[in-house]
Protein backbone atom coordinates (compact mmCIF):
# COMPACT_ATOMS: atom_id res chain seq x y z
CA MET A 1 0.28 0.05 -0.18
CA VAL A 2 2.92 2.68 1.17
CA THR A 3 4.78 1.76 -2.26
CA LEU A 4 1.89 2.56 -4.16
CA VAL A 5 0.40 5.82 -2.67
CA LEU A 6 3.82 6.72 -1.95
CA PRO A 7 5.13 8.35 -5.39
CA ARG A 8 1.97 9.64 -5.84
CA MET A 9 2.16 11.37 -2.96
CA LEU A 10 5.34 12.74 -3.93
CA ASP A 11 4.46 13.89 -7.24
CA LEU A 12 1.88 15.57 -6.35
CA GLY A 13 4.25 17.52 -3.97
CA ARG A 14 6.31 18.37 -6.92
CA SER A 15 3.86 19.06 -9.34
CA ALA A 16 2.58 21.80 -6.39
CA ARG A 17 5.75 22.81 -6.43
CA ARG A 18 6.51 23.11 -10.38
CA ALA A 19 3.12 25.07 -10.09
CA ALA A 20 3.86 27.48 -7.18
CA SER A 21 7.71 28.31 -9.44
CA VAL A 22 5.25 29.46 -12.13
CA LEU A 23 3.28 32.14 -9.59
CA GLU A 24 6.21 32.78 -7.85
CA ARG A 25 8.01 34.20 -11.43
CA ASN A 26 4.68 36.33 -12.34
CA ALA A 27 5.52 37.52 -8.41
CA ALA A 28 8.70 38.61 -8.98
CA ALA A 29 7.56 40.14 -12.71
CA LEU A 30 5.93 42.84 -11.20
CA LYS A 31 6.26 46.50 -11.97
CA SER A 32 4.96 49.50 -10.30
CA ALA A 33 2.54 50.20 -13.13
CA TYR A 34 0.65 47.03 -12.28
CA TRP A 35 -0.69 48.59 -9.54
CA VAL A 36 -2.58 51.38 -11.32
CA VAL A 37 -3.97 48.43 -13.51
CA LEU A 38 -5.20 46.43 -9.97
CA ALA A 39 -6.37 49.74 -8.53
CA SER A 40 -8.76 50.22 -11.73
CA GLY A 41 -10.27 47.00 -11.49
CA LEU A 42 -11.39 47.85 -8.36
CA LEU A 43 -12.73 50.91 -8.86
CA GLU A 44 -15.38 49.89 -11.26
CA PRO A 45 -17.51 47.62 -9.15
CA LEU A 46 -17.62 50.54 -6.68
CA LEU A 47 -18.51 53.05 -8.72
CA TYR A 48 -21.47 50.73 -10.16
CA LEU A 49 -22.03 50.11 -6.35
CA PHE A 50 -22.16 53.25 -5.63
CA SER A 51 -24.06 55.00 -8.82
CA ILE A 52 -26.75 52.43 -8.79
CA GLY A 53 -26.94 50.17 -6.03
CA VAL A 54 -26.81 53.46 -3.73
CA GLY A 55 -28.17 56.34 -6.07
CA VAL A 56 -30.98 53.99 -8.03
CA GLY A 57 -31.73 52.25 -4.50
CA ARG A 58 -33.15 55.72 -3.17
CA LEU A 59 -35.77 55.77 -5.84
CA ILE A 60 -36.29 51.72 -6.00
CA GLY A 61 -36.37 51.11 -2.35
CA ASP A 62 -36.21 47.86 -0.06
CA ILE A 63 -36.61 44.30 -2.58
CA THR A 64 -38.01 41.07 -1.23
CA LEU A 65 -35.14 38.33 -1.98
CA PRO A 66 -37.08 35.57 -3.77
CA GLY A 67 -37.68 32.26 -2.15
CA SER A 68 -37.00 33.56 1.61
CA GLY A 69 -38.73 36.62 1.06
CA VAL A 70 -36.34 38.44 3.16
CA VAL A 71 -36.40 42.22 2.47
CA VAL A 72 -33.08 44.42 2.12
CA GLU A 73 -32.45 47.54 1.06
CA TYR A 74 -31.77 47.52 -3.04
CA ALA A 75 -27.95 48.50 -2.16
CA ALA A 76 -27.29 45.42 0.13
CA PHE A 77 -29.21 43.21 -2.75
CA VAL A 78 -26.85 44.86 -5.78
CA ALA A 79 -23.04 45.17 -3.47
CA PRO A 80 -23.14 41.28 -3.52
CA ALA A 81 -23.31 40.75 -7.39
CA MET A 82 -20.50 43.78 -7.63
CA LEU A 83 -18.45 41.72 -5.45
CA ALA A 84 -19.02 38.76 -7.86
CA ALA A 85 -18.39 40.73 -10.91
CA SER A 86 -15.22 42.10 -9.07
CA ALA A 87 -14.11 38.76 -8.51
CA MET A 88 -14.56 37.55 -12.34
CA THR A 89 -13.21 40.84 -13.72
CA GLY A 90 -10.09 40.16 -12.26
CA ALA A 91 -9.87 36.54 -12.65
CA LEU A 92 -10.59 37.02 -16.66
CA SER A 93 -7.81 39.70 -16.73
CA GLU A 94 -4.96 37.76 -15.71
CA THR A 95 -6.54 34.88 -17.80
CA THR A 96 -7.68 36.06 -21.13
CA PHE A 97 -5.24 38.86 -22.36
CA ASN A 98 -2.31 38.46 -20.29
CA PHE A 99 -2.42 34.42 -20.93
CA PHE A 100 -2.99 35.54 -24.53
CA ALA A 101 0.19 37.72 -24.67
CA LYS A 102 2.59 35.66 -22.79
CA MET A 103 1.56 32.52 -24.88
CA LYS A 104 1.12 34.12 -28.43
CA PHE A 105 3.72 37.35 -28.13
CA VAL A 106 6.08 37.15 -25.54
CA LYS A 107 6.67 33.72 -26.15
CA LEU A 108 7.05 33.18 -22.23
CA TYR A 109 5.58 29.80 -22.08
CA ASP A 110 8.14 28.28 -24.43
CA GLY A 111 10.93 28.71 -22.06
CA ILE A 112 8.76 27.63 -19.03
CA LEU A 113 7.98 24.36 -21.23
CA ALA A 114 11.32 23.18 -21.45
CA THR A 115 12.21 23.02 -17.66
CA PRO A 116 10.55 20.26 -16.16
CA VAL A 117 6.81 22.01 -15.59
CA ARG A 118 3.83 20.33 -17.57
CA PRO A 119 1.23 22.22 -19.43
CA THR A 120 -1.52 21.41 -16.48
CA GLU A 121 0.85 22.84 -13.80
CA LEU A 122 1.69 26.22 -15.92
CA ALA A 123 -1.98 26.32 -15.99
CA LEU A 124 -2.94 26.06 -12.24
CA GLY A 125 0.27 28.38 -11.61
CA GLU A 126 -1.02 30.94 -13.50
CA LEU A 127 -4.80 30.70 -12.34
CA GLY A 128 -3.29 30.64 -8.72
CA TRP A 129 -1.98 33.63 -9.73
CA ALA A 130 -4.97 35.30 -10.98
CA MET A 131 -6.79 34.20 -7.80
CA ALA A 132 -4.19 36.30 -6.03
CA ARG A 133 -5.65 39.62 -7.76
CA GLY A 134 -9.05 38.13 -7.62
CA SER A 135 -8.42 37.92 -3.52
CA VAL A 136 -7.57 41.58 -3.32
CA TYR A 137 -10.33 42.79 -4.91
CA SER A 138 -12.92 40.69 -3.12
CA ALA A 139 -11.40 41.52 0.19
CA ALA A 140 -11.11 45.33 -0.48
CA PHE A 141 -15.09 45.03 -1.47
CA LEU A 142 -16.25 43.54 1.60
CA VAL A 143 -14.85 45.89 3.46
CA VAL A 144 -16.26 48.56 1.50
CA MET A 145 -19.74 46.58 2.21
CA VAL A 146 -18.96 46.27 6.06
CA VAL A 147 -18.00 49.60 6.97
CA MET A 148 -21.53 50.39 4.05
CA GLY A 149 -23.29 48.24 6.97
CA LEU A 150 -24.74 46.28 3.85
CA THR A 151 -23.39 42.90 5.55
CA THR A 152 -21.71 41.85 8.78
CA PRO A 153 -18.27 41.16 9.33
CA LEU A 154 -19.09 37.46 10.15
CA ARG A 155 -20.92 36.92 7.04
CA ALA A 156 -18.08 39.22 4.92
CA VAL A 157 -15.63 36.68 6.35
CA LEU A 158 -17.76 33.65 5.20
CA ALA A 159 -18.34 35.45 2.08
CA PHE A 160 -14.63 35.88 0.87
CA PRO A 161 -13.88 32.29 0.48
CA ALA A 162 -16.93 31.82 -1.87
CA ALA A 163 -15.63 35.14 -3.75
CA VAL A 164 -12.40 32.87 -4.43
CA LEU A 165 -14.20 30.13 -5.44
CA VAL A 166 -16.21 32.77 -7.98
CA GLY A 167 -12.71 33.38 -9.24
CA PHE A 168 -11.03 30.11 -9.69
CA ALA A 169 -13.86 29.59 -11.48
CA PHE A 170 -13.71 32.28 -13.93
CA GLY A 171 -10.09 31.96 -14.06
CA GLY A 172 -10.06 28.20 -15.40
CA LEU A 173 -12.81 29.68 -17.55
CA GLY A 174 -10.84 32.19 -18.54
CA MET A 175 -7.62 30.54 -19.85
CA ALA A 176 -9.85 28.01 -21.75
CA LEU A 177 -10.65 31.08 -24.08
CA SER A 178 -7.72 32.52 -24.44
CA THR A 179 -6.03 28.80 -25.96
CA TYR A 180 -8.79 29.37 -28.63
CA MET A 181 -8.42 33.72 -29.49
CA ARG A 182 -6.89 34.06 -32.67
CA SER A 183 -6.10 37.49 -32.13
CA TRP A 184 -6.69 40.76 -30.03
CA GLN A 185 -9.98 41.23 -32.59
CA ASP A 186 -11.37 37.78 -30.80
CA PHE A 187 -11.55 39.41 -27.01
CA ASP A 188 -14.11 42.29 -28.39
CA LEU A 189 -16.12 39.04 -28.81
CA MET A 190 -15.50 37.82 -25.55
CA GLY A 191 -15.78 41.62 -23.95
CA SER A 192 -19.27 41.79 -25.02
CA ALA A 193 -20.44 38.54 -24.18
CA GLN A 194 -18.85 39.24 -20.58
CA PHE A 195 -20.67 42.53 -20.52
CA ALA A 196 -23.90 40.99 -21.24
CA VAL A 197 -23.24 38.29 -18.50
CA PHE A 198 -22.95 40.82 -16.41
CA LEU A 199 -26.08 42.63 -16.94
CA PHE A 200 -28.32 39.39 -17.04
CA SER A 201 -27.27 36.98 -14.08
CA GLY A 202 -29.69 38.90 -11.83
CA THR A 203 -27.13 41.77 -10.53
CA PHE A 204 -29.33 45.07 -10.54
CA VAL A 205 -32.78 42.67 -10.55
CA PRO A 206 -33.96 39.31 -9.53
CA ALA A 207 -33.86 36.17 -12.09
CA GLN A 208 -37.45 35.73 -11.11
CA ASP A 209 -38.53 38.74 -13.11
CA TYR A 210 -37.37 37.69 -16.50
CA PRO A 211 -39.77 35.79 -18.43
CA PRO A 212 -39.68 32.25 -17.87
CA VAL A 213 -37.31 31.19 -21.37
CA LEU A 214 -34.90 34.12 -20.47
CA ARG A 215 -34.88 33.20 -16.98
CA TRP A 216 -33.47 29.56 -17.46
CA LEU A 217 -31.10 30.55 -19.47
CA VAL A 218 -30.10 33.35 -17.25
CA GLU A 219 -29.87 30.98 -14.03
CA VAL A 220 -27.45 28.09 -16.10
CA THR A 221 -24.46 30.94 -16.51
CA PRO A 222 -22.01 31.02 -13.94
CA LEU A 223 -22.27 34.67 -12.59
CA TYR A 224 -25.48 33.86 -11.98
CA ARG A 225 -24.58 30.82 -9.73
CA SER A 226 -22.02 33.13 -8.24
CA VAL A 227 -24.01 36.34 -7.59
CA ASP A 228 -26.88 33.84 -5.87
CA LEU A 229 -23.93 31.85 -3.80
CA ILE A 230 -22.30 35.21 -2.58
CA ARG A 231 -25.40 37.24 -1.92
CA THR A 232 -26.93 34.33 -0.09
CA ILE A 233 -24.33 33.68 2.18
CA ALA A 234 -24.14 37.96 2.65
CA VAL A 235 -27.37 39.23 3.30
CA ASP A 236 -29.71 36.00 3.39
CA THR A 237 -30.40 32.18 4.81
CA VAL A 238 -28.13 29.73 3.59
CA GLY A 239 -30.19 26.39 1.82
CA TRP A 240 -29.11 23.03 -0.16
CA VAL A 241 -29.38 25.47 -3.28
CA GLN A 242 -25.56 27.32 -2.66
CA VAL A 243 -24.51 23.12 -2.00
CA LEU A 244 -25.30 23.42 -5.78
CA ASP A 245 -23.81 26.67 -6.61
CA VAL A 246 -20.37 24.93 -5.38
CA GLY A 247 -20.57 22.38 -6.92
CA TYR A 248 -21.79 24.05 -10.14
CA LEU A 249 -18.38 26.64 -9.85
CA LEU A 250 -15.86 23.69 -8.95
CA GLY A 251 -17.09 21.86 -12.08
CA VAL A 252 -16.29 25.06 -14.20
CA THR A 253 -13.12 25.52 -12.43
CA ALA A 254 -11.86 21.76 -12.92
CA LEU A 255 -13.19 21.82 -16.34
CA GLY A 256 -11.47 24.73 -17.63
CA LEU A 257 -8.56 23.59 -15.96
CA ALA A 258 -8.92 20.84 -17.87
CA ILE A 259 -9.07 22.07 -21.21
CA ALA A 260 -6.15 24.70 -20.74
CA GLY A 261 -3.93 22.26 -19.47
CA ARG A 262 -4.46 19.96 -22.71
CA ARG A 263 -4.41 23.39 -25.04
CA VAL A 264 -1.34 24.15 -24.10
CA GLY A 265 0.42 20.81 -24.27
CA ARG A 266 -1.06 20.62 -28.06
CA LEU A 267 0.14 24.34 -29.08
CA LEU A 268 3.11 24.83 -27.78
CA CYS A 269 4.81 21.19 -27.29
CA ARG A 270 4.80 19.96 -30.58
């Protein structure tokens, strides 16, 4: 038994170290201008929160959450969705534009894969780096929510791992999509799809208010499942549906990593 399990454990340990080396390389390559990019990614969801959640919220008033019937102010309804969108944006920014540039133009991954690092380990390391950025966004946004009284400190602590999971899901999805991109123009299509999902994922109105066909289409999107998970933790009562949300996001993460690792190997290891 030991002779079967021990080699696998050692191999997993070596794979983890190789993936961590990719993350360490990205951290070592940081430039001062990167922090401006990081701040701009956090600013966008905050502007949405203050303009729509607080500004428009004064006109709308309170809103009843579907299912539980809990009544919350409109800003408290919108804020968890902005948190999910912030985690999505941070993860996608690193795993689409930056990932594509490193693979197609900088040719960074050609050199990395000449070392013992495998394609799947490369994808895992890049995903870990993307999550470092997404986690900063999520933590800062949760602090703002607590300061504004839109959630409690305990709920914010519980919502943080959920936001990290959202980042993992969209990070894996972003890397998988990037391997199919042919040029920078393809990212225009992805940006349009991302914005449409942002608007129609129960972000500003409950999905139950949409026509039935559109409602079911909305509820199968990754961002809706992310919004539902974080909103429930932040302001509602957690139930069995959130187990479905977690399973869905874990599945998206695993699928994205599997596709990205295979595609990177196929594109670069010829």
